[in-house]
Amino acid sequence: MKNKQFQIIIKTFNLRVLKLYTHFLKKVFHGLDIGFSIFYLPCAKKRITLLKSPHVDKTAREQFEVKYYKLCLVLKSISRFSILKWVLLNKPSVLMVKIKIK
């Protein structure tokens, strides 16, 4: 378990929460002497178009856009998986987390 790397992908639509949680993770991992690296992934945009009037006017449309911000966190050396579980259980509800073991 000591030689395995953990890749954590965090996804959210709120950039401020992502930056705050990243700052929290940096402090925790520095305190526990866990080697890590952070990569910001490209922002994904999703556009939704709604018709204002469903009957006659097809040209009357309104567009909305949702941006998803992603972050990849690679943990290089971790001795106990329970520390990782504790840190990720105390995350904000706006964040979505995916863990991969390499």
PDB file of N, CA and C in Angstrom:
ATOM      1  N   MET A   1       0.811  -1.193   0.000  1.00  0.00           N
ATOM      2  CA  MET A   1       0.000   0.000   0.000  1.00  0.00           C
ATOM      3  C   MET A   1       0.859   1.264   0.000  1.00  0.00           C
ATOM      4  N   LYS A   2       2.160   1.151   0.401  1.00  0.00           N
ATOM      5  CA  LYS A   2       2.994   2.337   0.498  1.00  0.00           C
ATOM      6  C   LYS A   2       3.430   2.844  -0.871  1.00  0.00           C
ATOM      7  N   ASN A   3       3.563   1.975  -1.864  1.00  0.00           N
ATOM      8  CA  ASN A   3       4.056   2.395  -3.169  1.00  0.00           C
ATOM      9  C   ASN A   3       2.950   2.844  -4.110  1.00  0.00           C
ATOM     10  N   LYS A   4       1.716   2.725  -3.708  1.00  0.00           N
ATOM     11  CA  LYS A   4       0.612   3.085  -4.587  1.00  0.00           C
ATOM     12  C   LYS A   4       0.354   4.582  -4.527  1.00  0.00           C
ATOM     13  N   GLN A   5      -0.080   5.115  -5.667  1.00  0.00           N
ATOM     14  CA  GLN A   5      -0.444   6.519  -5.758  1.00  0.00           C
ATOM     15  C   GLN A   5      -1.952   6.639  -5.834  1.00  0.00           C
ATOM     16  N   PHE A   6      -2.474   7.658  -5.209  1.00  0.00           N
ATOM     17  CA  PHE A   6      -3.899   7.934  -5.261  1.00  0.00           C
ATOM     18  C   PHE A   6      -4.113   9.175  -6.109  1.00  0.00           C
ATOM     19  N   GLN A   7      -5.053   9.072  -7.047  1.00  0.00           N
ATOM     20  CA  GLN A   7      -5.414  10.207  -7.885  1.00  0.00           C
ATOM     21  C   GLN A   7      -6.841  10.607  -7.508  1.00  0.00           C
ATOM     22  N   ILE A   8      -6.999  11.830  -7.031  1.00  0.00           N
ATOM     23  CA  ILE A   8      -8.296  12.330  -6.596  1.00  0.00           C
ATOM     24  C   ILE A   8      -8.723  13.421  -7.563  1.00  0.00           C
ATOM     25  N   ILE A   9      -9.902  13.260  -8.160  1.00  0.00           N
ATOM     26  CA  ILE A   9     -10.438  14.267  -9.069  1.00  0.00           C
ATOM     27  C   ILE A   9     -11.623  14.921  -8.378  1.00  0.00           C
ATOM     28  N   ILE A  10     -11.547  16.242  -8.213  1.00  0.00           N
ATOM     29  CA  ILE A  10     -12.591  17.013  -7.541  1.00  0.00           C
ATOM     30  C   ILE A  10     -13.269  17.877  -8.593  1.00  0.00           C
ATOM     31  N   LYS A  11     -14.612  17.858  -8.605  1.00  0.00           N
ATOM     32  CA  LYS A  11     -15.382  18.576  -9.610  1.00  0.00           C
ATOM     33  C   LYS A  11     -16.464  19.385  -8.907  1.00  0.00           C
ATOM     34  N   THR A  12     -16.636  20.652  -9.317  1.00  0.00           N
ATOM     35  CA  THR A  12     -17.657  21.505  -8.734  1.00  0.00           C
ATOM     36  C   THR A  12     -18.001  22.629  -9.706  1.00  0.00           C
ATOM     37  N   PHE A  13     -19.103  23.304  -9.438  1.00  0.00           N
ATOM     38  CA  PHE A  13     -19.461  24.461 -10.242  1.00  0.00           C
ATOM     39  C   PHE A  13     -19.189  25.764  -9.495  1.00  0.00           C
ATOM     40  N   ASN A  14     -18.675  25.681  -8.277  1.00  0.00           N
ATOM     41  CA  ASN A  14     -18.375  26.856  -7.476  1.00  0.00           C
ATOM     42  C   ASN A  14     -16.855  26.953  -7.291  1.00  0.00           C
ATOM     43  N   LEU A  15     -16.224  27.913  -7.957  1.00  0.00           N
ATOM     44  CA  LEU A  15     -14.768  28.038  -7.943  1.00  0.00           C
ATOM     45  C   LEU A  15     -14.245  28.444  -6.569  1.00  0.00           C
ATOM     46  N   ARG A  16     -14.975  29.275  -5.865  1.00  0.00           N
ATOM     47  CA  ARG A  16     -14.527  29.739  -4.545  1.00  0.00           C
ATOM     48  C   ARG A  16     -14.445  28.577  -3.546  1.00  0.00           C
ATOM     49  N   VAL A  17     -15.426  27.684  -3.571  1.00  0.00           N
ATOM     50  CA  VAL A  17     -15.416  26.520  -2.679  1.00  0.00           C
ATOM     51  C   VAL A  17     -14.258  25.598  -3.033  1.00  0.00           C
ATOM     52  N   LEU A  18     -13.981  25.441  -4.319  1.00  0.00           N
ATOM     53  CA  LEU A  18     -12.871  24.597  -4.752  1.00  0.00           C
ATOM     54  C   LEU A  18     -11.530  25.139  -4.251  1.00  0.00           C
ATOM     55  N   LYS A  19     -11.343  26.442  -4.334  1.00  0.00           N
ATOM     56  CA  LYS A  19     -10.085  27.033  -3.866  1.00  0.00           C
ATOM     57  C   LYS A  19      -9.946  26.924  -2.351  1.00  0.00           C
ATOM     58  N   LEU A  20     -11.032  27.122  -1.617  1.00  0.00           N
ATOM     59  CA  LEU A  20     -10.983  26.986  -0.159  1.00  0.00           C
ATOM     60  C   LEU A  20     -10.669  25.554   0.254  1.00  0.00           C
ATOM     61  N   TYR A  21     -11.302  24.589  -0.386  1.00  0.00           N
ATOM     62  CA  TYR A  21     -11.074  23.188  -0.050  1.00  0.00           C
ATOM     63  C   TYR A  21      -9.651  22.760  -0.434  1.00  0.00           C
ATOM     64  N   THR A  22      -9.128  23.297  -1.545  1.00  0.00           N
ATOM     65  CA  THR A  22      -7.754  23.009  -1.941  1.00  0.00           C
ATOM     66  C   THR A  22      -6.769  23.553  -0.912  1.00  0.00           C
ATOM     67  N   HIS A  23      -7.027  24.746  -0.407  1.00  0.00           N
ATOM     68  CA  HIS A  23      -6.176  25.328   0.631  1.00  0.00           C
ATOM     69  C   HIS A  23      -6.210  24.469   1.901  1.00  0.00           C
ATOM     70  N   PHE A  24      -7.400  23.981   2.266  1.00  0.00           N
ATOM     71  CA  PHE A  24      -7.547  23.097   3.426  1.00  0.00           C
ATOM     72  C   PHE A  24      -6.759  21.806   3.232  1.00  0.00           C
ATOM     73  N   LEU A  25      -6.852  21.207   2.040  1.00  0.00           N
ATOM     74  CA  LEU A  25      -6.131  19.963   1.764  1.00  0.00           C
ATOM     75  C   LEU A  25      -4.618  20.172   1.797  1.00  0.00           C
ATOM     76  N   LYS A  26      -4.150  21.310   1.287  1.00  0.00           N
ATOM     77  CA  LYS A  26      -2.716  21.602   1.324  1.00  0.00           C
ATOM     78  C   LYS A  26      -2.214  21.639   2.760  1.00  0.00           C
ATOM     79  N   LYS A  27      -2.955  22.318   3.632  1.00  0.00           N
ATOM     80  CA  LYS A  27      -2.541  22.417   5.037  1.00  0.00           C
ATOM     81  C   LYS A  27      -2.526  21.047   5.710  1.00  0.00           C
ATOM     82  N   VAL A  28      -3.554  20.231   5.450  1.00  0.00           N
ATOM     83  CA  VAL A  28      -3.635  18.900   6.067  1.00  0.00           C
ATOM     84  C   VAL A  28      -2.505  18.010   5.575  1.00  0.00           C
ATOM     85  N   PHE A  29      -2.240  17.995   4.274  1.00  0.00           N
ATOM     86  CA  PHE A  29      -1.211  17.119   3.733  1.00  0.00           C
ATOM     87  C   PHE A  29       0.195  17.573   4.127  1.00  0.00           C
ATOM     88  N   HIS A  30       0.417  18.890   4.257  1.00  0.00           N
ATOM     89  CA  HIS A  30       1.713  19.367   4.749  1.00  0.00           C
ATOM     90  C   HIS A  30       1.900  18.983   6.210  1.00  0.00           C
ATOM     91  N   GLY A  31       0.827  19.049   7.007  1.00  0.00           N
ATOM     92  CA  GLY A  31       0.915  18.672   8.411  1.00  0.00           C
ATOM     93  C   GLY A  31       1.177  17.196   8.616  1.00  0.00           C
ATOM     94  N   LEU A  32       0.682  16.361   7.708  1.00  0.00           N
ATOM     95  CA  LEU A  32       0.870  14.908   7.818  1.00  0.00           C
ATOM     96  C   LEU A  32       2.084  14.412   7.037  1.00  0.00           C
ATOM     97  N   ASP A  33       2.827  15.300   6.405  1.00  0.00           N
ATOM     98  CA  ASP A  33       3.999  14.965   5.581  1.00  0.00           C
ATOM     99  C   ASP A  33       3.667  13.976   4.472  1.00  0.00           C
ATOM    100  N   ILE A  34       2.619  14.277   3.747  1.00  0.00           N
ATOM    101  CA  ILE A  34       2.205  13.464   2.605  1.00  0.00           C
ATOM    102  C   ILE A  34       2.588  14.228   1.340  1.00  0.00           C
ATOM    103  N   GLY A  35       3.319  13.574   0.453  1.00  0.00           N
ATOM    104  CA  GLY A  35       3.708  14.199  -0.805  1.00  0.00           C
ATOM    105  C   GLY A  35       2.527  14.256  -1.761  1.00  0.00           C
ATOM    106  N   PHE A  36       2.311  15.420  -2.373  1.00  0.00           N
ATOM    107  CA  PHE A  36       1.179  15.573  -3.279  1.00  0.00           C
ATOM    108  C   PHE A  36       1.516  16.595  -4.353  1.00  0.00           C
ATOM    109  N   SER A  37       0.734  16.566  -5.423  1.00  0.00           N
ATOM    110  CA  SER A  37       0.818  17.585  -6.465  1.00  0.00           C
ATOM    111  C   SER A  37      -0.593  17.880  -6.949  1.00  0.00           C
ATOM    112  N   ILE A  38      -0.811  19.134  -7.350  1.00  0.00           N
ATOM    113  CA  ILE A  38      -2.140  19.606  -7.737  1.00  0.00           C
ATOM    114  C   ILE A  38      -2.098  20.075  -9.184  1.00  0.00           C
ATOM    115  N   PHE A  39      -3.095  19.647  -9.970  1.00  0.00           N
ATOM    116  CA  PHE A  39      -3.239  20.060 -11.360  1.00  0.00           C
ATOM    117  C   PHE A  39      -4.655  20.568 -11.562  1.00  0.00           C
ATOM    118  N   TYR A  40      -4.790  21.784 -12.076  1.00  0.00           N
ATOM    119  CA  TYR A  40      -6.100  22.292 -12.442  1.00  0.00           C
ATOM    120  C   TYR A  40      -6.414  21.822 -13.853  1.00  0.00           C
ATOM    121  N   LEU A  41      -7.557  21.174 -14.019  1.00  0.00           N
ATOM    122  CA  LEU A  41      -7.974  20.665 -15.319  1.00  0.00           C
ATOM    123  C   LEU A  41      -8.812  21.724 -16.033  1.00  0.00           C
ATOM    124  N   PRO A  42      -8.984  21.625 -17.346  1.00  0.00           N
ATOM    125  CA  PRO A  42      -9.756  22.636 -18.070  1.00  0.00           C
ATOM    126  C   PRO A  42     -11.215  22.693 -17.611  1.00  0.00           C
ATOM    127  N   CYS A  43     -11.766  23.879 -17.690  1.00  0.00           N
ATOM    128  CA  CYS A  43     -13.151  24.118 -17.283  1.00  0.00           C
ATOM    129  C   CYS A  43     -14.094  23.568 -18.356  1.00  0.00           C
ATOM    130  N   ALA A  44     -15.125  22.842 -17.934  1.00  0.00           N
ATOM    131  CA  ALA A  44     -16.122  22.304 -18.866  1.00  0.00           C
ATOM    132  C   ALA A  44     -17.369  23.174 -18.800  1.00  0.00           C
ATOM    133  N   LYS A  45     -17.893  23.541 -19.961  1.00  0.00           N
ATOM    134  CA  LYS A  45     -19.081  24.389 -20.024  1.00  0.00           C
ATOM    135  C   LYS A  45     -20.249  23.596 -20.588  1.00  0.00           C
ATOM    136  N   LYS A  46     -21.407  23.805 -19.984  1.00  0.00           N
ATOM    137  CA  LYS A  46     -22.620  23.162 -20.479  1.00  0.00           C
ATOM    138  C   LYS A  46     -23.654  24.247 -20.711  1.00  0.00           C
ATOM    139  N   ARG A  47     -24.162  24.327 -21.950  1.00  0.00           N
ATOM    140  CA  ARG A  47     -25.141  25.352 -22.303  1.00  0.00           C
ATOM    141  C   ARG A  47     -26.509  24.723 -22.484  1.00  0.00           C
ATOM    142  N   ILE A  48     -27.513  25.428 -21.976  1.00  0.00           N
ATOM    143  CA  ILE A  48     -28.901  24.975 -22.090  1.00  0.00           C
ATOM    144  C   ILE A  48     -29.699  26.096 -22.753  1.00  0.00           C
ATOM    145  N   THR A  49     -30.482  25.766 -23.762  1.00  0.00           N
ATOM    146  CA  THR A  49     -31.305  26.749 -24.462  1.00  0.00           C
ATOM    147  C   THR A  49     -32.772  26.442 -24.193  1.00  0.00           C
ATOM    148  N   LEU A  50     -33.504  27.459 -23.761  1.00  0.00           N
ATOM    149  CA  LEU A  50     -34.942  27.322 -23.502  1.00  0.00           C
ATOM    150  C   LEU A  50     -35.724  28.266 -24.395  1.00  0.00           C
ATOM    151  N   LEU A  51     -36.869  27.800 -24.866  1.00  0.00           N
ATOM    152  CA  LEU A  51     -37.754  28.665 -25.642  1.00  0.00           C
ATOM    153  C   LEU A  51     -38.608  29.496 -24.686  1.00  0.00           C
ATOM    154  N   LYS A  52     -38.682  30.806 -24.944  1.00  0.00           N
ATOM    155  CA  LYS A  52     -39.501  31.670 -24.085  1.00  0.00           C
ATOM    156  C   LYS A  52     -40.988  31.445 -24.358  1.00  0.00           C
ATOM    157  N   SER A  53     -41.319  31.308 -25.620  1.00  0.00           N
ATOM    158  CA  SER A  53     -42.703  31.087 -26.002  1.00  0.00           C
ATOM    159  C   SER A  53     -42.791  29.764 -26.760  1.00  0.00           C
ATOM    160  N   PRO A  54     -43.455  28.769 -26.225  1.00  0.00           N
ATOM    161  CA  PRO A  54     -43.474  27.463 -26.874  1.00  0.00           C
ATOM    162  C   PRO A  54     -44.355  27.386 -28.129  1.00  0.00           C
ATOM    163  N   HIS A  55     -45.205  28.389 -28.368  1.00  0.00           N
ATOM    164  CA  HIS A  55     -46.166  28.264 -29.473  1.00  0.00           C
ATOM    165  C   HIS A  55     -45.644  28.832 -30.790  1.00  0.00           C
ATOM    166  N   VAL A  56     -45.433  30.143 -30.864  1.00  0.00           N
ATOM    167  CA  VAL A  56     -45.195  30.795 -32.149  1.00  0.00           C
ATOM    168  C   VAL A  56     -43.723  31.151 -32.371  1.00  0.00           C
ATOM    169  N   ASP A  57     -43.130  31.865 -31.452  1.00  0.00           N
ATOM    170  CA  ASP A  57     -41.809  32.449 -31.670  1.00  0.00           C
ATOM    171  C   ASP A  57     -40.690  31.451 -31.372  1.00  0.00           C
ATOM    172  N   LYS A  58     -40.112  30.914 -32.448  1.00  0.00           N
ATOM    173  CA  LYS A  58     -38.965  30.032 -32.264  1.00  0.00           C
ATOM    174  C   LYS A  58     -37.693  30.843 -32.037  1.00  0.00           C
ATOM    175  N   THR A  59     -37.725  32.122 -32.414  1.00  0.00           N
ATOM    176  CA  THR A  59     -36.528  32.949 -32.271  1.00  0.00           C
ATOM    177  C   THR A  59     -36.370  33.508 -30.863  1.00  0.00           C
ATOM    178  N   ALA A  60     -37.421  33.483 -30.071  1.00  0.00           N
ATOM    179  CA  ALA A  60     -37.341  33.992 -28.706  1.00  0.00           C
ATOM    180  C   ALA A  60     -36.783  32.887 -27.811  1.00  0.00           C
ATOM    181  N   ARG A  61     -35.489  32.926 -27.611  1.00  0.00           N
ATOM    182  CA  ARG A  61     -34.816  31.893 -26.828  1.00  0.00           C
ATOM    183  C   ARG A  61     -33.981  32.533 -25.734  1.00  0.00           C
ATOM    184  N   GLU A  62     -33.710  31.753 -24.725  1.00  0.00           N
ATOM    185  CA  GLU A  62     -32.856  32.206 -23.645  1.00  0.00           C
ATOM    186  C   GLU A  62     -31.827  31.114 -23.365  1.00  0.00           C
ATOM    187  N   GLN A  63     -30.569  31.510 -23.209  1.00  0.00           N
ATOM    188  CA  GLN A  63     -29.505  30.540 -22.982  1.00  0.00           C
ATOM    189  C   GLN A  63     -28.927  30.692 -21.583  1.00  0.00           C
ATOM    190  N   PHE A  64     -28.618  29.546 -20.993  1.00  0.00           N
ATOM    191  CA  PHE A  64     -27.984  29.496 -19.681  1.00  0.00           C
ATOM    192  C   PHE A  64     -26.727  28.650 -19.806  1.00  0.00           C
ATOM    193  N   GLU A  65     -25.742  28.990 -18.993  1.00  0.00           N
ATOM    194  CA  GLU A  65     -24.466  28.280 -19.054  1.00  0.00           C
ATOM    195  C   GLU A  65     -24.035  27.883 -17.645  1.00  0.00           C
ATOM    196  N   VAL A  66     -23.591  26.637 -17.508  1.00  0.00           N
ATOM    197  CA  VAL A  66     -23.060  26.136 -16.241  1.00  0.00           C
ATOM    198  C   VAL A  66     -21.614  25.725 -16.489  1.00  0.00           C
ATOM    199  N   LYS A  67     -20.711  26.228 -15.638  1.00  0.00           N
ATOM    200  CA  LYS A  67     -19.299  25.880 -15.761  1.00  0.00           C
ATOM    201  C   LYS A  67     -18.927  24.915 -14.641  1.00  0.00           C
ATOM    202  N   TYR A  68     -18.224  23.850 -15.012  1.00  0.00           N
ATOM    203  CA  TYR A  68     -17.717  22.882 -14.048  1.00  0.00           C
ATOM    204  C   TYR A  68     -16.205  23.024 -13.965  1.00  0.00           C
ATOM    205  N   TYR A  69     -15.706  23.254 -12.762  1.00  0.00           N
ATOM    206  CA  TYR A  69     -14.276  23.386 -12.525  1.00  0.00           C
ATOM    207  C   TYR A  69     -13.752  22.061 -11.976  1.00  0.00           C
ATOM    208  N   LYS A  70     -12.586  21.643 -12.477  1.00  0.00           N
ATOM    209  CA  LYS A  70     -12.018  20.360 -12.075  1.00  0.00           C
ATOM    210  C   LYS A  70     -10.607  20.551 -11.550  1.00  0.00           C
ATOM    211  N   LEU A  71     -10.234  19.657 -10.645  1.00  0.00           N
ATOM    212  CA  LEU A  71      -8.916  19.684 -10.032  1.00  0.00           C
ATOM    213  C   LEU A  71      -8.461  18.246  -9.865  1.00  0.00           C
ATOM    214  N   CYS A  72      -7.214  17.976 -10.196  1.00  0.00           N
ATOM    215  CA  CYS A  72      -6.645  16.646 -10.014  1.00  0.00           C
ATOM    216  C   CYS A  72      -5.576  16.732  -8.935  1.00  0.00           C
ATOM    217  N   LEU A  73      -5.686  15.884  -7.944  1.00  0.00           N
ATOM    218  CA  LEU A  73      -4.765  15.868  -6.811  1.00  0.00           C
ATOM    219  C   LEU A  73      -4.126  14.483  -6.780  1.00  0.00           C
ATOM    220  N   VAL A  74      -2.793  14.426  -6.873  1.00  0.00           N
ATOM    221  CA  VAL A  74      -2.077  13.156  -6.874  1.00  0.00           C
ATOM    222  C   VAL A  74      -1.314  13.049  -5.568  1.00  0.00           C
ATOM    223  N   LEU A  75      -1.631  12.013  -4.780  1.00  0.00           N
ATOM    224  CA  LEU A  75      -0.931  11.757  -3.521  1.00  0.00           C
ATOM    225  C   LEU A  75       0.168  10.743  -3.799  1.00  0.00           C
ATOM    226  N   LYS A  76       1.398  11.091  -3.475  1.00  0.00           N
ATOM    227  CA  LYS A  76       2.536  10.251  -3.851  1.00  0.00           C
ATOM    228  C   LYS A  76       2.819   9.148  -2.849  1.00  0.00           C
ATOM    229  N   SER A  77       2.794   9.470  -1.570  1.00  0.00           N
ATOM    230  CA  SER A  77       3.108   8.451  -0.569  1.00  0.00           C
ATOM    231  C   SER A  77       2.151   8.609   0.603  1.00  0.00           C
ATOM    232  N   ILE A  78       1.324   7.618   0.794  1.00  0.00           N
ATOM    233  CA  ILE A  78       0.377   7.656   1.898  1.00  0.00           C
ATOM    234  C   ILE A  78       0.441   6.302   2.590  1.00  0.00           C
ATOM    235  N   SER A  79       0.520   6.314   3.903  1.00  0.00           N
ATOM    236  CA  SER A  79       0.686   5.068   4.635  1.00  0.00           C
ATOM    237  C   SER A  79      -0.654   4.476   5.064  1.00  0.00           C
ATOM    238  N   ARG A  80      -1.602   5.342   5.426  1.00  0.00           N
ATOM    239  CA  ARG A  80      -2.892   4.828   5.889  1.00  0.00           C
ATOM    240  C   ARG A  80      -4.020   5.414   5.053  1.00  0.00           C
ATOM    241  N   PHE A  81      -4.906   4.560   4.609  1.00  0.00           N
ATOM    242  CA  PHE A  81      -6.050   4.977   3.802  1.00  0.00           C
ATOM    243  C   PHE A  81      -7.103   5.664   4.658  1.00  0.00           C
ATOM    244  N   SER A  82      -7.098   5.435   5.976  1.00  0.00           N
ATOM    245  CA  SER A  82      -8.112   6.018   6.858  1.00  0.00           C
ATOM    246  C   SER A  82      -7.978   7.537   6.938  1.00  0.00           C
ATOM    247  N   ILE A  83      -6.768   8.068   6.805  1.00  0.00           N
ATOM    248  CA  ILE A  83      -6.575   9.516   6.801  1.00  0.00           C
ATOM    249  C   ILE A  83      -7.262  10.124   5.584  1.00  0.00           C
ATOM    250  N   LEU A  84      -7.099   9.468   4.450  1.00  0.00           N
ATOM    251  CA  LEU A  84      -7.711   9.948   3.217  1.00  0.00           C
ATOM    252  C   LEU A  84      -9.227   9.905   3.320  1.00  0.00           C
ATOM    253  N   LYS A  85      -9.779   8.844   3.911  1.00  0.00           N
ATOM    254  CA  LYS A  85     -11.233   8.754   4.077  1.00  0.00           C
ATOM    255  C   LYS A  85     -11.753   9.867   4.974  1.00  0.00           C
ATOM    256  N   TRP A  86     -11.027  10.169   6.058  1.00  0.00           N
ATOM    257  CA  TRP A  86     -11.463  11.204   6.983  1.00  0.00           C
ATOM    258  C   TRP A  86     -11.475  12.576   6.317  1.00  0.00           C
ATOM    259  N   VAL A  87     -10.443  12.864   5.530  1.00  0.00           N
ATOM    260  CA  VAL A  87     -10.352  14.170   4.857  1.00  0.00           C
ATOM    261  C   VAL A  87     -11.457  14.319   3.821  1.00  0.00           C
ATOM    262  N   LEU A  88     -11.747  13.270   3.080  1.00  0.00           N
ATOM    263  CA  LEU A  88     -12.740  13.372   2.016  1.00  0.00           C
ATOM    264  C   LEU A  88     -14.169  13.269   2.525  1.00  0.00           C
ATOM    265  N   LEU A  89     -14.379  12.738   3.718  1.00  0.00           N
ATOM    266  CA  LEU A  89     -15.726  12.725   4.279  1.00  0.00           C
ATOM    267  C   LEU A  89     -16.130  14.104   4.793  1.00  0.00           C
ATOM    268  N   ASN A  90     -15.161  14.942   5.148  1.00  0.00           N
ATOM    269  CA  ASN A  90     -15.441  16.275   5.656  1.00  0.00           C
ATOM    270  C   ASN A  90     -15.419  17.323   4.546  1.00  0.00           C
ATOM    271  N   LYS A  91     -15.853  16.970   3.369  1.00  0.00           N
ATOM    272  CA  LYS A  91     -15.858  17.902   2.246  1.00  0.00           C
ATOM    273  C   LYS A  91     -17.200  18.628   2.164  1.00  0.00           C
ATOM    274  N   PRO A  92     -17.232  19.789   1.503  1.00  0.00           N
ATOM    275  CA  PRO A  92     -18.511  20.467   1.283  1.00  0.00           C
ATOM    276  C   PRO A  92     -19.415  19.649   0.366  1.00  0.00           C
ATOM    277  N   SER A  93     -20.717  19.859   0.495  1.00  0.00           N
ATOM    278  CA  SER A  93     -21.668  19.061  -0.284  1.00  0.00           C
ATOM    279  C   SER A  93     -21.693  19.447  -1.761  1.00  0.00           C
ATOM    280  N   VAL A  94     -21.101  20.568  -2.118  1.00  0.00           N
ATOM    281  CA  VAL A  94     -21.096  21.029  -3.505  1.00  0.00           C
ATOM    282  C   VAL A  94     -20.057  20.283  -4.342  1.00  0.00           C
ATOM    283  N   LEU A  95     -19.072  19.671  -3.695  1.00  0.00           N
ATOM    284  CA  LEU A  95     -17.986  18.999  -4.400  1.00  0.00           C
ATOM    285  C   LEU A  95     -18.331  17.548  -4.716  1.00  0.00           C
ATOM    286  N   MET A  96     -17.887  17.104  -5.892  1.00  0.00           N
ATOM    287  CA  MET A  96     -17.980  15.697  -6.266  1.00  0.00           C
ATOM    288  C   MET A  96     -16.557  15.145  -6.337  1.00  0.00           C
ATOM    289  N   VAL A  97     -16.319  14.013  -5.705  1.00  0.00           N
ATOM    290  CA  VAL A  97     -14.961  13.469  -5.592  1.00  0.00           C
ATOM    291  C   VAL A  97     -14.915  12.072  -6.191  1.00  0.00           C
ATOM    292  N   LYS A  98     -13.851  11.819  -6.983  1.00  0.00           N
ATOM    293  CA  LYS A  98     -13.608  10.508  -7.564  1.00  0.00           C
ATOM    294  C   LYS A  98     -12.187  10.103  -7.201  1.00  0.00           C
ATOM    295  N   ILE A  99     -11.978   8.871  -6.719  1.00  0.00           N
ATOM    296  CA  ILE A  99     -10.653   8.405  -6.310  1.00  0.00           C
ATOM    297  C   ILE A  99     -10.225   7.251  -7.206  1.00  0.00           C
ATOM    298  N   LYS A 100      -8.988   7.326  -7.707  1.00  0.00           N
ATOM    299  CA  LYS A 100      -8.410   6.242  -8.495  1.00  0.00           C
ATOM    300  C   LYS A 100      -7.108   5.814  -7.819  1.00  0.00           C
ATOM    301  N   ILE A 101      -6.850   4.522  -7.814  1.00  0.00           N
ATOM    302  CA  ILE A 101      -5.617   3.982  -7.260  1.00  0.00           C
ATOM    303  C   ILE A 101      -4.743   3.543  -8.417  1.00  0.00           C
ATOM    304  N   LYS A 102      -3.512   4.084  -8.467  1.00  0.00           N
ATOM    305  CA  LYS A 102      -2.591   3.718  -9.558  1.00  0.00           C
ATOM    306  C   LYS A 102      -1.537   2.781  -9.049  1.00  0.00           C
TER     307      LYS A 102
END
